[in-house]
């Protein structure tokens, strides 16, 4: 009986301190900065067809349930989707306009780039570490500058950087 009780306590404690896998971030290029997003603007469209197949699944591993990494860029205060890539060892880049149309969404294209007119959100991000141009998150908030970006239908309406 004592053994069962100890196992139950261990399971309860493990549940309280367990961690989930950090997702591979999308990247946002704004000016000379690259920000690793924990928000995924493309997911707001709820497309039925996923960008890539990984065998029987739409994702390569638990660090990327959505199955891709997107790169975004702010140009003249507008948010654009630059590219969507596969995140496993098989390099592939998505043909964006065809992908949107295949999902029944007519994208607004400006100068050959997809304008993210569907995206409205407030983003508050702290700087992160980079290794080989990839984001590595810290589990604490560094005492460095915090970035606040606000978008309304793809238009950046606020851009603040401030210290702690």
N, C-alpha and C. Protein backbone atom coordinates (compact mmCIF):
# COMPACT_ATOMS: atom_id res chain seq x y z
N UNK A 1 0.83 -1.20 0.00
CA UNK A 1 0.00 0.00 0.00
C UNK A 1 0.87 1.26 0.00
N UNK A 2 1.96 1.21 0.77
CA UNK A 2 2.85 2.36 0.85
C UNK A 2 3.49 2.64 -0.52
N UNK A 3 3.81 1.56 -1.23
CA UNK A 3 4.42 1.70 -2.56
C UNK A 3 3.44 2.36 -3.54
N UNK A 4 2.18 1.97 -3.53
CA UNK A 4 1.16 2.56 -4.40
C UNK A 4 1.00 4.05 -4.09
N UNK A 5 1.00 4.39 -2.82
CA UNK A 5 0.87 5.78 -2.39
C UNK A 5 2.05 6.62 -2.89
N UNK A 6 3.26 6.09 -2.80
CA UNK A 6 4.45 6.81 -3.28
C UNK A 6 4.41 6.99 -4.80
N UNK A 7 3.94 5.98 -5.51
CA UNK A 7 3.83 6.08 -6.97
C UNK A 7 2.82 7.16 -7.35
N UNK A 8 1.69 7.20 -6.65
CA UNK A 8 0.69 8.22 -6.92
C UNK A 8 1.23 9.63 -6.66
N UNK A 9 1.95 9.81 -5.58
CA UNK A 9 2.55 11.11 -5.28
C UNK A 9 3.55 11.49 -6.36
N UNK A 10 4.37 10.54 -6.79
CA UNK A 10 5.36 10.81 -7.84
C UNK A 10 4.67 11.22 -9.14
N UNK A 11 3.58 10.54 -9.49
CA UNK A 11 2.86 10.89 -10.72
C UNK A 11 2.24 12.29 -10.64
N UNK A 12 1.69 12.63 -9.49
CA UNK A 12 1.11 13.97 -9.31
C UNK A 12 2.19 15.04 -9.42
N UNK A 13 3.33 14.82 -8.77
CA UNK A 13 4.42 15.79 -8.83
C UNK A 13 4.98 15.90 -10.24
N UNK A 14 5.13 14.79 -10.93
CA UNK A 14 5.64 14.80 -12.29
C UNK A 14 4.70 15.59 -13.20
N UNK A 15 3.41 15.44 -13.00
CA UNK A 15 2.43 16.18 -13.78
C UNK A 15 2.56 17.68 -13.55
N UNK A 16 2.86 18.10 -12.35
CA UNK A 16 2.97 19.52 -12.01
C UNK A 16 4.24 20.15 -12.56
N UNK A 17 5.33 19.39 -12.67
CA UNK A 17 6.59 19.98 -13.10
C UNK A 17 7.00 19.55 -14.51
N UNK A 18 6.12 18.84 -15.22
CA UNK A 18 6.44 18.38 -16.56
C UNK A 18 6.54 19.54 -17.54
N UNK A 19 7.29 19.34 -18.60
CA UNK A 19 7.49 20.38 -19.61
C UNK A 19 7.06 19.85 -20.96
N UNK A 20 6.62 20.76 -21.81
CA UNK A 20 6.29 20.37 -23.18
C UNK A 20 7.43 20.80 -24.10
N UNK A 21 7.44 20.24 -25.28
CA UNK A 21 8.49 20.55 -26.24
C UNK A 21 8.27 21.94 -26.82
N UNK A 22 9.32 22.75 -26.83
CA UNK A 22 9.25 24.08 -27.46
C UNK A 22 9.09 23.90 -28.96
N UNK A 23 8.18 24.64 -29.57
CA UNK A 23 7.94 24.54 -31.00
C UNK A 23 8.97 25.35 -31.79
N UNK A 24 9.35 24.84 -32.94
CA UNK A 24 10.24 25.58 -33.84
C UNK A 24 9.51 26.85 -34.22
N UNK A 25 10.17 27.97 -34.08
CA UNK A 25 9.50 29.25 -34.27
C UNK A 25 9.47 29.67 -35.73
N UNK A 26 8.48 30.52 -36.03
CA UNK A 26 8.52 31.27 -37.27
C UNK A 26 9.48 32.43 -37.05
N UNK A 27 9.96 33.03 -38.13
CA UNK A 27 10.89 34.16 -38.02
C UNK A 27 10.25 35.41 -38.59
N UNK A 28 10.48 36.53 -37.92
CA UNK A 28 10.00 37.82 -38.39
C UNK A 28 11.19 38.74 -38.59
N UNK A 29 11.35 39.23 -39.80
CA UNK A 29 12.43 40.17 -40.11
C UNK A 29 11.82 41.56 -40.11
N UNK A 30 12.39 42.43 -39.27
CA UNK A 30 11.92 43.81 -39.20
C UNK A 30 13.14 44.70 -39.09
N UNK A 31 13.37 45.49 -40.11
CA UNK A 31 14.60 46.29 -40.16
C UNK A 31 15.80 45.36 -40.20
N UNK A 32 16.76 45.58 -39.29
CA UNK A 32 17.95 44.73 -39.21
C UNK A 32 17.79 43.61 -38.18
N UNK A 33 16.62 43.49 -37.58
CA UNK A 33 16.39 42.50 -36.52
C UNK A 33 15.63 41.29 -37.05
N UNK A 34 15.93 40.14 -36.48
CA UNK A 34 15.14 38.94 -36.72
C UNK A 34 14.57 38.51 -35.38
N UNK A 35 13.26 38.38 -35.32
CA UNK A 35 12.57 38.01 -34.08
C UNK A 35 12.00 36.61 -34.27
N UNK A 36 12.20 35.76 -33.29
CA UNK A 36 11.65 34.42 -33.32
C UNK A 36 10.25 34.47 -32.71
N UNK A 37 9.27 34.11 -33.49
CA UNK A 37 7.88 34.20 -33.04
C UNK A 37 7.43 32.92 -32.36
N UNK A 38 6.61 33.08 -31.35
CA UNK A 38 5.92 31.94 -30.78
C UNK A 38 4.45 32.01 -31.17
N UNK A 39 4.16 32.93 -32.08
CA UNK A 39 2.85 33.08 -32.69
C UNK A 39 3.02 32.64 -34.14
N UNK A 40 2.01 31.99 -34.68
CA UNK A 40 2.13 31.44 -36.03
C UNK A 40 1.02 32.02 -36.91
N UNK A 41 1.28 33.17 -37.57
CA UNK A 41 0.24 33.87 -38.33
C UNK A 41 -0.46 33.04 -39.40
N UNK A 42 0.25 32.14 -40.05
CA UNK A 42 -0.37 31.33 -41.10
C UNK A 42 -1.45 30.41 -40.53
N UNK A 43 -1.29 29.99 -39.29
CA UNK A 43 -2.26 29.10 -38.67
C UNK A 43 -3.62 29.77 -38.44
N UNK A 44 -3.64 31.11 -38.42
CA UNK A 44 -4.90 31.83 -38.25
C UNK A 44 -5.88 31.57 -39.38
N UNK A 45 -5.38 31.13 -40.54
CA UNK A 45 -6.24 30.87 -41.69
C UNK A 45 -6.93 29.50 -41.61
N UNK A 46 -6.48 28.62 -40.72
CA UNK A 46 -7.09 27.30 -40.53
C UNK A 46 -7.24 26.52 -41.84
N UNK A 47 -6.17 26.49 -42.63
CA UNK A 47 -6.20 25.75 -43.89
C UNK A 47 -6.39 24.26 -43.62
N UNK A 48 -7.19 23.63 -44.46
CA UNK A 48 -7.43 22.18 -44.32
C UNK A 48 -6.24 21.38 -44.86
N UNK A 49 -5.64 21.85 -45.96
CA UNK A 49 -4.51 21.15 -46.56
C UNK A 49 -3.23 21.67 -45.92
N UNK A 50 -2.43 20.76 -45.38
CA UNK A 50 -1.17 21.14 -44.73
C UNK A 50 -0.09 21.34 -45.80
N UNK A 51 0.91 22.17 -45.52
CA UNK A 51 1.94 22.47 -46.52
C UNK A 51 2.75 21.26 -46.97
N UNK A 52 3.10 20.38 -46.06
CA UNK A 52 3.97 19.25 -46.39
C UNK A 52 3.45 17.98 -45.74
N UNK A 53 3.76 16.84 -46.35
CA UNK A 53 3.45 15.53 -45.76
C UNK A 53 4.75 14.91 -45.29
N UNK A 54 4.67 14.23 -44.17
CA UNK A 54 5.82 13.52 -43.60
C UNK A 54 5.38 12.07 -43.39
N UNK A 55 5.36 11.34 -44.48
CA UNK A 55 4.86 9.96 -44.40
C UNK A 55 3.35 9.98 -44.15
N UNK A 56 2.91 9.32 -43.10
CA UNK A 56 1.49 9.26 -42.77
C UNK A 56 1.02 10.49 -41.98
N UNK A 57 1.94 11.41 -41.69
CA UNK A 57 1.62 12.54 -40.81
C UNK A 57 1.83 13.88 -41.51
N UNK A 58 1.30 14.94 -40.89
CA UNK A 58 1.48 16.30 -41.39
C UNK A 58 2.58 17.03 -40.65
N UNK A 59 3.31 16.34 -39.80
CA UNK A 59 4.37 16.97 -39.02
C UNK A 59 5.55 16.02 -38.89
N UNK A 60 6.78 16.60 -38.76
CA UNK A 60 7.97 15.74 -38.72
C UNK A 60 8.31 15.21 -37.34
N UNK A 61 7.98 15.98 -36.28
CA UNK A 61 8.30 15.59 -34.91
C UNK A 61 7.55 16.50 -33.95
N UNK A 62 7.63 16.24 -32.66
CA UNK A 62 6.83 16.98 -31.68
C UNK A 62 7.28 18.43 -31.50
N UNK A 63 8.43 18.81 -32.04
CA UNK A 63 8.87 20.21 -31.94
C UNK A 63 8.30 21.06 -33.08
N UNK A 64 7.48 20.46 -33.94
CA UNK A 64 6.88 21.23 -35.03
C UNK A 64 5.57 20.59 -35.47
N UNK A 65 4.54 20.74 -34.65
CA UNK A 65 3.24 20.14 -34.94
C UNK A 65 2.63 20.70 -36.23
N UNK A 66 2.96 21.95 -36.59
CA UNK A 66 2.37 22.52 -37.79
C UNK A 66 3.08 22.06 -39.06
N UNK A 67 4.30 21.51 -38.96
CA UNK A 67 4.98 20.89 -40.09
C UNK A 67 5.76 21.82 -40.99
N UNK A 68 5.98 23.06 -40.58
CA UNK A 68 6.72 23.99 -41.42
C UNK A 68 7.31 25.11 -40.56
N UNK A 69 8.18 25.91 -41.17
CA UNK A 69 8.67 27.13 -40.56
C UNK A 69 8.48 28.25 -41.58
N UNK A 70 7.80 29.31 -41.17
CA UNK A 70 7.53 30.44 -42.06
C UNK A 70 8.47 31.60 -41.73
N UNK A 71 8.81 32.36 -42.75
CA UNK A 71 9.58 33.59 -42.57
C UNK A 71 8.71 34.74 -43.02
N UNK A 72 8.60 35.74 -42.15
CA UNK A 72 7.78 36.92 -42.37
C UNK A 72 8.69 38.14 -42.42
N UNK A 73 8.21 39.19 -43.09
CA UNK A 73 9.00 40.42 -43.14
C UNK A 73 8.06 41.62 -43.12
N UNK A 74 8.46 42.63 -42.35
CA UNK A 74 7.72 43.89 -42.34
C UNK A 74 8.38 44.82 -43.35
N UNK A 75 7.58 45.23 -44.35
CA UNK A 75 8.04 46.15 -45.38
C UNK A 75 7.04 47.30 -45.43
N UNK A 76 7.54 48.51 -45.20
CA UNK A 76 6.69 49.71 -45.18
C UNK A 76 5.47 49.51 -44.29
N UNK A 77 5.71 48.98 -43.08
CA UNK A 77 4.69 48.75 -42.05
C UNK A 77 3.62 47.74 -42.44
N UNK A 78 3.91 46.88 -43.40
CA UNK A 78 3.00 45.80 -43.77
C UNK A 78 3.71 44.46 -43.57
N UNK A 79 2.94 43.47 -43.13
CA UNK A 79 3.48 42.14 -42.86
C UNK A 79 3.33 41.27 -44.11
N UNK A 80 4.45 40.69 -44.56
CA UNK A 80 4.45 39.84 -45.73
C UNK A 80 5.00 38.46 -45.38
N UNK A 81 4.43 37.44 -46.02
CA UNK A 81 4.94 36.08 -45.92
C UNK A 81 6.00 35.92 -47.00
N UNK A 82 7.24 35.62 -46.58
CA UNK A 82 8.36 35.51 -47.51
C UNK A 82 8.53 34.08 -48.01
N UNK A 83 8.53 33.12 -47.06
CA UNK A 83 8.69 31.72 -47.46
C UNK A 83 8.18 30.78 -46.39
N UNK A 84 7.89 29.57 -46.82
CA UNK A 84 7.50 28.48 -45.93
C UNK A 84 8.37 27.29 -46.32
N UNK A 85 9.11 26.77 -45.33
CA UNK A 85 10.02 25.65 -45.61
C UNK A 85 9.67 24.43 -44.78
N UNK A 86 10.10 23.30 -45.28
CA UNK A 86 10.00 22.02 -44.58
C UNK A 86 11.03 22.01 -43.46
N UNK A 87 10.76 21.35 -42.34
CA UNK A 87 11.68 21.40 -41.21
C UNK A 87 12.39 20.09 -40.91
N UNK A 88 12.43 19.19 -41.86
CA UNK A 88 13.20 17.96 -41.63
C UNK A 88 14.40 17.95 -42.56
N UNK A 89 14.99 16.82 -42.76
CA UNK A 89 16.23 16.73 -43.54
C UNK A 89 16.01 16.80 -45.05
N UNK A 90 14.77 16.82 -45.50
CA UNK A 90 14.47 16.91 -46.93
C UNK A 90 14.16 18.37 -47.24
N UNK A 91 15.07 19.10 -47.88
CA UNK A 91 14.83 20.52 -48.14
C UNK A 91 13.70 20.72 -49.16
N UNK A 92 12.80 21.62 -48.84
CA UNK A 92 11.70 21.93 -49.74
C UNK A 92 11.13 23.28 -49.35
N UNK A 93 10.76 24.07 -50.34
CA UNK A 93 10.13 25.36 -50.12
C UNK A 93 8.77 25.32 -50.79
N UNK A 94 7.78 25.83 -50.11
CA UNK A 94 6.40 25.80 -50.59
C UNK A 94 6.16 26.87 -51.65
N UNK A 95 5.42 26.54 -52.69
CA UNK A 95 4.96 27.51 -53.68
C UNK A 95 3.74 28.19 -53.05
N UNK A 96 3.95 29.40 -52.52
CA UNK A 96 2.97 30.05 -51.65
C UNK A 96 1.63 30.36 -52.32
N UNK A 97 1.66 31.02 -53.45
CA UNK A 97 0.40 31.41 -54.09
C UNK A 97 -0.46 30.20 -54.41
N UNK A 98 0.14 29.15 -54.96
CA UNK A 98 -0.60 27.92 -55.27
C UNK A 98 -1.17 27.29 -54.01
N UNK A 99 -0.39 27.30 -52.93
CA UNK A 99 -0.85 26.72 -51.67
C UNK A 99 -2.08 27.46 -51.14
N UNK A 100 -2.06 28.77 -51.17
CA UNK A 100 -3.21 29.55 -50.71
C UNK A 100 -4.44 29.25 -51.56
N UNK A 101 -4.28 29.26 -52.87
CA UNK A 101 -5.40 29.02 -53.78
C UNK A 101 -5.95 27.62 -53.60
N UNK A 102 -5.05 26.63 -53.41
CA UNK A 102 -5.48 25.25 -53.19
C UNK A 102 -6.35 25.14 -51.93
N UNK A 103 -6.12 26.03 -50.97
CA UNK A 103 -6.91 26.05 -49.74
C UNK A 103 -8.11 27.00 -49.81
N UNK A 104 -8.40 27.52 -51.01
CA UNK A 104 -9.58 28.36 -51.19
C UNK A 104 -9.42 29.79 -50.71
N UNK A 105 -8.20 30.27 -50.61
CA UNK A 105 -7.96 31.65 -50.16
C UNK A 105 -7.21 32.39 -51.26
N UNK A 106 -7.79 33.46 -51.75
CA UNK A 106 -7.15 34.28 -52.79
C UNK A 106 -6.25 35.28 -52.09
N UNK A 107 -4.91 35.07 -52.13
CA UNK A 107 -4.01 35.96 -51.40
C UNK A 107 -3.87 37.32 -52.09
N UNK A 108 -3.68 38.34 -51.27
CA UNK A 108 -3.37 39.66 -51.81
C UNK A 108 -1.86 39.71 -52.02
N UNK A 109 -1.45 39.90 -53.27
CA UNK A 109 -0.03 39.88 -53.60
C UNK A 109 0.42 41.29 -53.96
N UNK A 110 1.46 41.74 -53.26
CA UNK A 110 2.03 43.07 -53.50
C UNK A 110 3.52 42.87 -53.80
N UNK A 111 3.95 43.34 -54.95
CA UNK A 111 5.35 43.20 -55.40
C UNK A 111 5.84 41.75 -55.30
N UNK A 112 4.98 40.81 -55.64
CA UNK A 112 5.35 39.40 -55.66
C UNK A 112 5.33 38.71 -54.30
N UNK A 113 4.93 39.43 -53.24
CA UNK A 113 4.89 38.85 -51.88
C UNK A 113 3.45 38.79 -51.38
N UNK A 114 3.18 37.79 -50.53
CA UNK A 114 1.84 37.64 -49.98
C UNK A 114 1.68 38.54 -48.76
N UNK A 115 0.71 39.45 -48.87
CA UNK A 115 0.40 40.38 -47.79
C UNK A 115 -0.49 39.66 -46.78
N UNK A 116 -0.11 39.70 -45.51
CA UNK A 116 -0.84 38.98 -44.44
C UNK A 116 -2.00 39.82 -43.94
N UNK A 117 -2.96 40.10 -44.82
CA UNK A 117 -4.10 40.95 -44.48
C UNK A 117 -5.06 40.30 -43.48
N UNK A 118 -4.91 39.03 -43.19
CA UNK A 118 -5.75 38.32 -42.24
C UNK A 118 -5.23 38.43 -40.80
N UNK A 119 -4.00 38.89 -40.63
CA UNK A 119 -3.34 38.78 -39.32
C UNK A 119 -3.54 40.03 -38.47
N UNK A 120 -4.15 39.83 -37.29
CA UNK A 120 -4.32 40.88 -36.29
C UNK A 120 -3.87 40.29 -34.96
N UNK A 121 -2.85 40.91 -34.34
CA UNK A 121 -2.35 40.40 -33.06
C UNK A 121 -1.39 41.41 -32.44
N UNK A 122 -1.21 41.28 -31.13
CA UNK A 122 -0.19 42.02 -30.41
C UNK A 122 0.92 41.03 -30.08
N UNK A 123 2.14 41.37 -30.44
CA UNK A 123 3.28 40.50 -30.18
C UNK A 123 4.20 41.19 -29.18
N UNK A 124 4.47 40.53 -28.07
CA UNK A 124 5.44 41.02 -27.10
C UNK A 124 6.50 39.96 -26.97
N UNK A 125 7.72 40.32 -27.36
CA UNK A 125 8.80 39.34 -27.39
C UNK A 125 10.05 39.90 -26.75
N UNK A 126 10.76 39.03 -26.08
CA UNK A 126 12.09 39.35 -25.56
C UNK A 126 13.11 38.80 -26.53
N UNK A 127 14.29 39.41 -26.61
CA UNK A 127 15.33 38.85 -27.48
C UNK A 127 15.66 37.42 -27.07
N UNK A 128 16.12 36.64 -28.04
CA UNK A 128 16.48 35.25 -27.78
C UNK A 128 17.90 35.01 -28.25
N UNK A 129 18.44 33.88 -27.87
CA UNK A 129 19.76 33.48 -28.34
C UNK A 129 19.66 32.90 -29.74
N UNK A 130 20.69 33.07 -30.54
CA UNK A 130 20.76 32.47 -31.86
C UNK A 130 22.00 31.59 -31.94
N UNK A 131 21.86 30.42 -32.50
CA UNK A 131 22.98 29.55 -32.80
C UNK A 131 22.78 29.10 -34.24
N UNK A 132 23.76 29.39 -35.09
CA UNK A 132 23.66 29.06 -36.52
C UNK A 132 22.36 29.59 -37.12
N UNK A 133 21.99 30.80 -36.78
CA UNK A 133 20.80 31.49 -37.26
C UNK A 133 19.50 30.83 -36.83
N UNK A 134 19.54 29.94 -35.85
CA UNK A 134 18.33 29.32 -35.33
C UNK A 134 18.06 29.85 -33.93
N UNK A 135 16.79 29.93 -33.59
CA UNK A 135 16.40 30.48 -32.29
C UNK A 135 16.56 29.44 -31.19
N UNK A 136 17.10 29.88 -30.09
CA UNK A 136 17.14 29.04 -28.89
C UNK A 136 16.54 29.87 -27.77
N UNK A 137 15.45 29.42 -27.23
CA UNK A 137 14.75 30.18 -26.21
C UNK A 137 15.36 29.96 -24.84
N UNK A 138 15.16 30.94 -23.98
CA UNK A 138 15.51 30.80 -22.56
C UNK A 138 14.21 30.68 -21.80
N UNK A 139 14.22 29.98 -20.70
CA UNK A 139 12.99 29.78 -19.94
C UNK A 139 12.72 30.91 -18.95
N UNK A 140 13.48 31.97 -19.05
CA UNK A 140 13.27 33.14 -18.20
C UNK A 140 13.29 34.38 -19.07
N UNK A 141 12.79 35.48 -18.54
CA UNK A 141 12.78 36.73 -19.29
C UNK A 141 14.08 37.48 -19.03
N UNK A 142 14.89 37.65 -20.04
CA UNK A 142 16.13 38.38 -19.84
C UNK A 142 15.85 39.85 -19.52
N UNK A 143 16.80 40.50 -18.89
CA UNK A 143 16.63 41.89 -18.49
C UNK A 143 17.08 42.82 -19.61
N UNK A 144 16.80 42.43 -20.83
CA UNK A 144 17.16 43.22 -21.99
C UNK A 144 15.89 43.87 -22.54
N UNK A 145 16.01 44.43 -23.71
CA UNK A 145 14.88 45.11 -24.32
C UNK A 145 13.75 44.15 -24.66
N UNK A 146 12.55 44.64 -24.48
CA UNK A 146 11.36 43.91 -24.85
C UNK A 146 10.82 44.54 -26.13
N UNK A 147 10.33 43.74 -27.04
CA UNK A 147 9.82 44.23 -28.31
C UNK A 147 8.30 44.09 -28.29
N UNK A 148 7.60 45.16 -28.60
CA UNK A 148 6.15 45.11 -28.70
C UNK A 148 5.74 45.53 -30.10
N UNK A 149 5.07 44.64 -30.80
CA UNK A 149 4.59 44.92 -32.15
C UNK A 149 3.09 44.65 -32.18
N UNK A 150 2.35 45.56 -32.78
CA UNK A 150 0.91 45.37 -32.92
C UNK A 150 0.54 45.43 -34.39
N UNK A 151 -0.23 44.43 -34.81
CA UNK A 151 -0.67 44.35 -36.20
C UNK A 151 -2.19 44.36 -36.25
N UNK A 152 -2.74 45.06 -37.23
CA UNK A 152 -4.16 45.06 -37.49
C UNK A 152 -4.36 44.80 -38.97
N UNK A 153 -4.90 43.63 -39.31
CA UNK A 153 -5.09 43.18 -40.69
C UNK A 153 -3.82 43.34 -41.52
N UNK A 154 -2.70 42.90 -40.95
CA UNK A 154 -1.42 42.90 -41.63
C UNK A 154 -0.67 44.21 -41.59
N UNK A 155 -1.28 45.25 -41.08
CA UNK A 155 -0.65 46.57 -40.99
C UNK A 155 -0.06 46.73 -39.59
N UNK A 156 1.23 47.08 -39.51
CA UNK A 156 1.86 47.30 -38.20
C UNK A 156 1.41 48.67 -37.70
N UNK A 157 0.69 48.67 -36.58
CA UNK A 157 0.18 49.93 -36.03
C UNK A 157 0.97 50.41 -34.83
N UNK A 158 1.85 49.53 -34.30
CA UNK A 158 2.70 49.95 -33.19
C UNK A 158 3.97 49.13 -33.19
N UNK A 159 5.10 49.81 -32.91
CA UNK A 159 6.40 49.16 -32.83
C UNK A 159 7.16 49.84 -31.71
N UNK A 160 7.25 49.19 -30.56
CA UNK A 160 7.96 49.75 -29.41
C UNK A 160 9.07 48.81 -28.99
N UNK A 161 10.21 49.37 -28.68
CA UNK A 161 11.28 48.65 -28.02
C UNK A 161 11.58 49.43 -26.76
N UNK A 162 11.61 48.75 -25.63
CA UNK A 162 11.90 49.48 -24.41
C UNK A 162 12.65 48.58 -23.43
N UNK A 163 13.41 49.20 -22.57
CA UNK A 163 14.17 48.46 -21.56
C UNK A 163 13.32 48.13 -20.36
N UNK A 164 13.84 47.30 -19.50
CA UNK A 164 13.12 46.87 -18.30
C UNK A 164 13.07 47.98 -17.29
